[in-house]
PDB file of N, CA and C in Angstrom:
ATOM      1  N   UNK A   1      38.385   7.365 -33.151  1.00  0.00           N
ATOM      2  CA  UNK A   1      38.820   6.078 -33.675  1.00  0.00           C
ATOM      3  C   UNK A   1      37.623   5.372 -34.302  1.00  0.00           C
ATOM      4  N   UNK A   2      37.817   4.719 -35.420  1.00  0.00           N
ATOM      5  CA  UNK A   2      36.742   4.011 -36.103  1.00  0.00           C
ATOM      6  C   UNK A   2      36.478   2.673 -35.434  1.00  0.00           C
ATOM      7  N   UNK A   3      35.208   2.251 -35.470  1.00  0.00           N
ATOM      8  CA  UNK A   3      34.840   0.979 -34.838  1.00  0.00           C
ATOM      9  C   UNK A   3      35.638  -0.192 -35.383  1.00  0.00           C
ATOM     10  N   UNK A   4      35.813  -0.266 -36.713  1.00  0.00           N
ATOM     11  CA  UNK A   4      36.470  -1.422 -37.311  1.00  0.00           C
ATOM     12  C   UNK A   4      37.950  -1.495 -36.976  1.00  0.00           C
ATOM     13  N   UNK A   5      38.514  -0.438 -36.429  1.00  0.00           N
ATOM     14  CA  UNK A   5      39.925  -0.448 -36.036  1.00  0.00           C
ATOM     15  C   UNK A   5      40.129  -1.163 -34.703  1.00  0.00           C
ATOM     16  N   UNK A   6      39.059  -1.394 -33.958  1.00  0.00           N
ATOM     17  CA  UNK A   6      39.145  -2.076 -32.665  1.00  0.00           C
ATOM     18  C   UNK A   6      38.900  -3.570 -32.850  1.00  0.00           C
ATOM     19  N   UNK A   7      39.634  -4.393 -32.133  1.00  0.00           N
ATOM     20  CA  UNK A   7      39.492  -5.849 -32.235  1.00  0.00           C
ATOM     21  C   UNK A   7      38.087  -6.310 -31.838  1.00  0.00           C
ATOM     22  N   UNK A   8      37.444  -5.616 -30.898  1.00  0.00           N
ATOM     23  CA  UNK A   8      36.108  -6.001 -30.431  1.00  0.00           C
ATOM     24  C   UNK A   8      35.067  -5.960 -31.550  1.00  0.00           C
ATOM     25  N   UNK A   9      35.300  -5.146 -32.567  1.00  0.00           N
ATOM     26  CA  UNK A   9      34.350  -5.024 -33.680  1.00  0.00           C
ATOM     27  C   UNK A   9      34.080  -6.382 -34.321  1.00  0.00           C
ATOM     28  N   UNK A  10      35.093  -7.243 -34.404  1.00  0.00           N
ATOM     29  CA  UNK A  10      34.962  -8.527 -35.088  1.00  0.00           C
ATOM     30  C   UNK A  10      34.312  -9.604 -34.223  1.00  0.00           C
ATOM     31  N   UNK A  11      34.208  -9.392 -32.926  1.00  0.00           N
ATOM     32  CA  UNK A  11      33.575 -10.385 -32.056  1.00  0.00           C
ATOM     33  C   UNK A  11      32.213  -9.921 -31.541  1.00  0.00           C
ATOM     34  N   UNK A  12      31.890  -8.658 -31.735  1.00  0.00           N
ATOM     35  CA  UNK A  12      30.630  -8.109 -31.239  1.00  0.00           C
ATOM     36  C   UNK A  12      29.480  -8.469 -32.173  1.00  0.00           C
ATOM     37  N   UNK A  13      28.331  -8.807 -31.588  1.00  0.00           N
ATOM     38  CA  UNK A  13      27.134  -9.115 -32.376  1.00  0.00           C
ATOM     39  C   UNK A  13      26.465  -7.802 -32.762  1.00  0.00           C
ATOM     40  N   UNK A  14      26.225  -7.633 -34.066  1.00  0.00           N
ATOM     41  CA  UNK A  14      25.569  -6.444 -34.602  1.00  0.00           C
ATOM     42  C   UNK A  14      24.190  -6.833 -35.112  1.00  0.00           C
ATOM     43  N   UNK A  15      23.281  -5.893 -35.176  1.00  0.00           N
ATOM     44  CA  UNK A  15      21.955  -6.133 -35.741  1.00  0.00           C
ATOM     45  C   UNK A  15      21.827  -5.314 -37.014  1.00  0.00           C
ATOM     46  N   UNK A  16      21.552  -6.005 -38.130  1.00  0.00           N
ATOM     47  CA  UNK A  16      21.297  -5.315 -39.395  1.00  0.00           C
ATOM     48  C   UNK A  16      19.893  -5.689 -39.867  1.00  0.00           C
ATOM     49  N   UNK A  17      19.321  -4.881 -40.729  1.00  0.00           N
ATOM     50  CA  UNK A  17      17.981  -5.137 -41.253  1.00  0.00           C
ATOM     51  C   UNK A  17      18.109  -5.581 -42.703  1.00  0.00           C
ATOM     52  N   UNK A  18      17.564  -6.784 -42.990  1.00  0.00           N
ATOM     53  CA  UNK A  18      17.586  -7.352 -44.337  1.00  0.00           C
ATOM     54  C   UNK A  18      16.154  -7.687 -44.715  1.00  0.00           C
ATOM     55  N   UNK A  19      15.661  -7.105 -45.778  1.00  0.00           N
ATOM     56  CA  UNK A  19      14.278  -7.319 -46.229  1.00  0.00           C
ATOM     57  C   UNK A  19      13.274  -7.081 -45.105  1.00  0.00           C
ATOM     58  N   UNK A  20      13.523  -6.055 -44.296  1.00  0.00           N
ATOM     59  CA  UNK A  20      12.608  -5.696 -43.230  1.00  0.00           C
ATOM     60  C   UNK A  20      12.712  -6.539 -41.973  1.00  0.00           C
ATOM     61  N   UNK A  21      13.634  -7.502 -41.941  1.00  0.00           N
ATOM     62  CA  UNK A  21      13.797  -8.366 -40.771  1.00  0.00           C
ATOM     63  C   UNK A  21      15.142  -8.089 -40.117  1.00  0.00           C
ATOM     64  N   UNK A  22      15.155  -8.066 -38.786  1.00  0.00           N
ATOM     65  CA  UNK A  22      16.404  -7.872 -38.055  1.00  0.00           C
ATOM     66  C   UNK A  22      17.189  -9.180 -38.018  1.00  0.00           C
ATOM     67  N   UNK A  23      18.475  -9.101 -38.325  1.00  0.00           N
ATOM     68  CA  UNK A  23      19.348 -10.272 -38.345  1.00  0.00           C
ATOM     69  C   UNK A  23      20.564  -9.966 -37.483  1.00  0.00           C
ATOM     70  N   UNK A  24      20.902 -10.886 -36.586  1.00  0.00           N
ATOM     71  CA  UNK A  24      22.094 -10.746 -35.742  1.00  0.00           C
ATOM     72  C   UNK A  24      23.288 -11.289 -36.519  1.00  0.00           C
ATOM     73  N   UNK A  25      24.351 -10.488 -36.630  1.00  0.00           N
ATOM     74  CA  UNK A  25      25.524 -10.869 -37.411  1.00  0.00           C
ATOM     75  C   UNK A  25      26.806 -10.470 -36.690  1.00  0.00           C
ATOM     76  N   UNK A  26      27.912 -11.035 -37.175  1.00  0.00           N
ATOM     77  CA  UNK A  26      29.250 -10.618 -36.764  1.00  0.00           C
ATOM     78  C   UNK A  26      30.026 -10.285 -38.029  1.00  0.00           C
ATOM     79  N   UNK A  27      30.909  -9.309 -37.942  1.00  0.00           N
ATOM     80  CA  UNK A  27      31.765  -8.967 -39.078  1.00  0.00           C
ATOM     81  C   UNK A  27      32.836 -10.041 -39.206  1.00  0.00           C
ATOM     82  N   UNK A  28      33.038 -10.534 -40.432  1.00  0.00           N
ATOM     83  CA  UNK A  28      34.039 -11.577 -40.651  1.00  0.00           C
ATOM     84  C   UNK A  28      35.277 -11.014 -41.332  1.00  0.00           C
ATOM     85  N   UNK A  29      35.069 -10.176 -42.340  1.00  0.00           N
ATOM     86  CA  UNK A  29      36.196  -9.606 -43.077  1.00  0.00           C
ATOM     87  C   UNK A  29      35.840  -8.194 -43.522  1.00  0.00           C
ATOM     88  N   UNK A  30      36.853  -7.341 -43.568  1.00  0.00           N
ATOM     89  CA  UNK A  30      36.659  -5.949 -43.966  1.00  0.00           C
ATOM     90  C   UNK A  30      37.668  -5.600 -45.044  1.00  0.00           C
ATOM     91  N   UNK A  31      37.189  -4.986 -46.133  1.00  0.00           N
ATOM     92  CA  UNK A  31      38.085  -4.485 -47.181  1.00  0.00           C
ATOM     93  C   UNK A  31      38.112  -2.973 -47.078  1.00  0.00           C
ATOM     94  N   UNK A  32      39.314  -2.436 -47.086  1.00  0.00           N
ATOM     95  CA  UNK A  32      39.483  -0.985 -46.996  1.00  0.00           C
ATOM     96  C   UNK A  32      39.961  -0.433 -48.325  1.00  0.00           C
ATOM     97  N   UNK A  33      39.628   0.826 -48.577  1.00  0.00           N
ATOM     98  CA  UNK A  33      40.115   1.515 -49.766  1.00  0.00           C
ATOM     99  C   UNK A  33      41.639   1.597 -49.672  1.00  0.00           C
ATOM    100  N   UNK A  34      42.350   1.431 -50.797  1.00  0.00           N
ATOM    101  CA  UNK A  34      43.817   1.389 -50.755  1.00  0.00           C
ATOM    102  C   UNK A  34      44.489   2.622 -50.150  1.00  0.00           C
ATOM    103  N   UNK A  35      43.949   3.823 -50.394  1.00  0.00           N
ATOM    104  CA  UNK A  35      44.634   5.004 -49.861  1.00  0.00           C
ATOM    105  C   UNK A  35      43.713   6.018 -49.196  1.00  0.00           C
ATOM    106  N   UNK A  36      42.412   5.825 -49.277  1.00  0.00           N
ATOM    107  CA  UNK A  36      41.473   6.702 -48.572  1.00  0.00           C
ATOM    108  C   UNK A  36      41.038   6.012 -47.277  1.00  0.00           C
ATOM    109  N   UNK A  37      40.724   6.774 -46.258  1.00  0.00           N
ATOM    110  CA  UNK A  37      40.283   6.154 -45.002  1.00  0.00           C
ATOM    111  C   UNK A  37      38.809   5.744 -45.060  1.00  0.00           C
ATOM    112  N   UNK A  38      38.481   4.855 -46.008  1.00  0.00           N
ATOM    113  CA  UNK A  38      37.100   4.416 -46.202  1.00  0.00           C
ATOM    114  C   UNK A  38      37.040   2.897 -46.292  1.00  0.00           C
ATOM    115  N   UNK A  39      35.892   2.342 -45.881  1.00  0.00           N
ATOM    116  CA  UNK A  39      35.637   0.921 -46.067  1.00  0.00           C
ATOM    117  C   UNK A  39      35.011   0.724 -47.432  1.00  0.00           C
ATOM    118  N   UNK A  40      35.378  -0.354 -48.125  1.00  0.00           N
ATOM    119  CA  UNK A  40      34.757  -0.626 -49.413  1.00  0.00           C
ATOM    120  C   UNK A  40      33.830  -1.840 -49.350  1.00  0.00           C
ATOM    121  N   UNK A  41      34.038  -2.737 -48.347  1.00  0.00           N
ATOM    122  CA  UNK A  41      33.203  -3.938 -48.276  1.00  0.00           C
ATOM    123  C   UNK A  41      33.350  -4.586 -46.901  1.00  0.00           C
ATOM    124  N   UNK A  42      32.247  -5.131 -46.376  1.00  0.00           N
ATOM    125  CA  UNK A  42      32.288  -5.899 -45.129  1.00  0.00           C
ATOM    126  C   UNK A  42      31.537  -7.208 -45.351  1.00  0.00           C
ATOM    127  N   UNK A  43      32.162  -8.332 -44.975  1.00  0.00           N
ATOM    128  CA  UNK A  43      31.498  -9.637 -44.993  1.00  0.00           C
ATOM    129  C   UNK A  43      30.946  -9.904 -43.603  1.00  0.00           C
ATOM    130  N   UNK A  44      29.681 -10.345 -43.547  1.00  0.00           N
ATOM    131  CA  UNK A  44      29.043 -10.677 -42.282  1.00  0.00           C
ATOM    132  C   UNK A  44      28.704 -12.161 -42.254  1.00  0.00           C
ATOM    133  N   UNK A  45      28.685 -12.742 -41.056  1.00  0.00           N
ATOM    134  CA  UNK A  45      28.189 -14.101 -40.841  1.00  0.00           C
ATOM    135  C   UNK A  45      27.107 -14.011 -39.771  1.00  0.00           C
ATOM    136  N   UNK A  46      26.122 -14.895 -39.877  1.00  0.00           N
ATOM    137  CA  UNK A  46      25.048 -14.893 -38.875  1.00  0.00           C
ATOM    138  C   UNK A  46      25.614 -15.284 -37.517  1.00  0.00           C
ATOM    139  N   UNK A  47      25.127 -14.604 -36.515  1.00  0.00           N
ATOM    140  CA  UNK A  47      25.624 -14.864 -35.149  1.00  0.00           C
ATOM    141  C   UNK A  47      24.778 -15.918 -34.467  1.00  0.00           C
TER     142      UNK A  47
END
């Protein structure tokens, strides 16, 4: 099962690296490909 398919994915704090600095974020919105099982875009907000 993919992480984004679980409800916890949207409330869990993730760490991403931006310009060499670690930033704590949460996923806000996810766009999926219309017919392929792929993500096309994820919006993050700072946690």
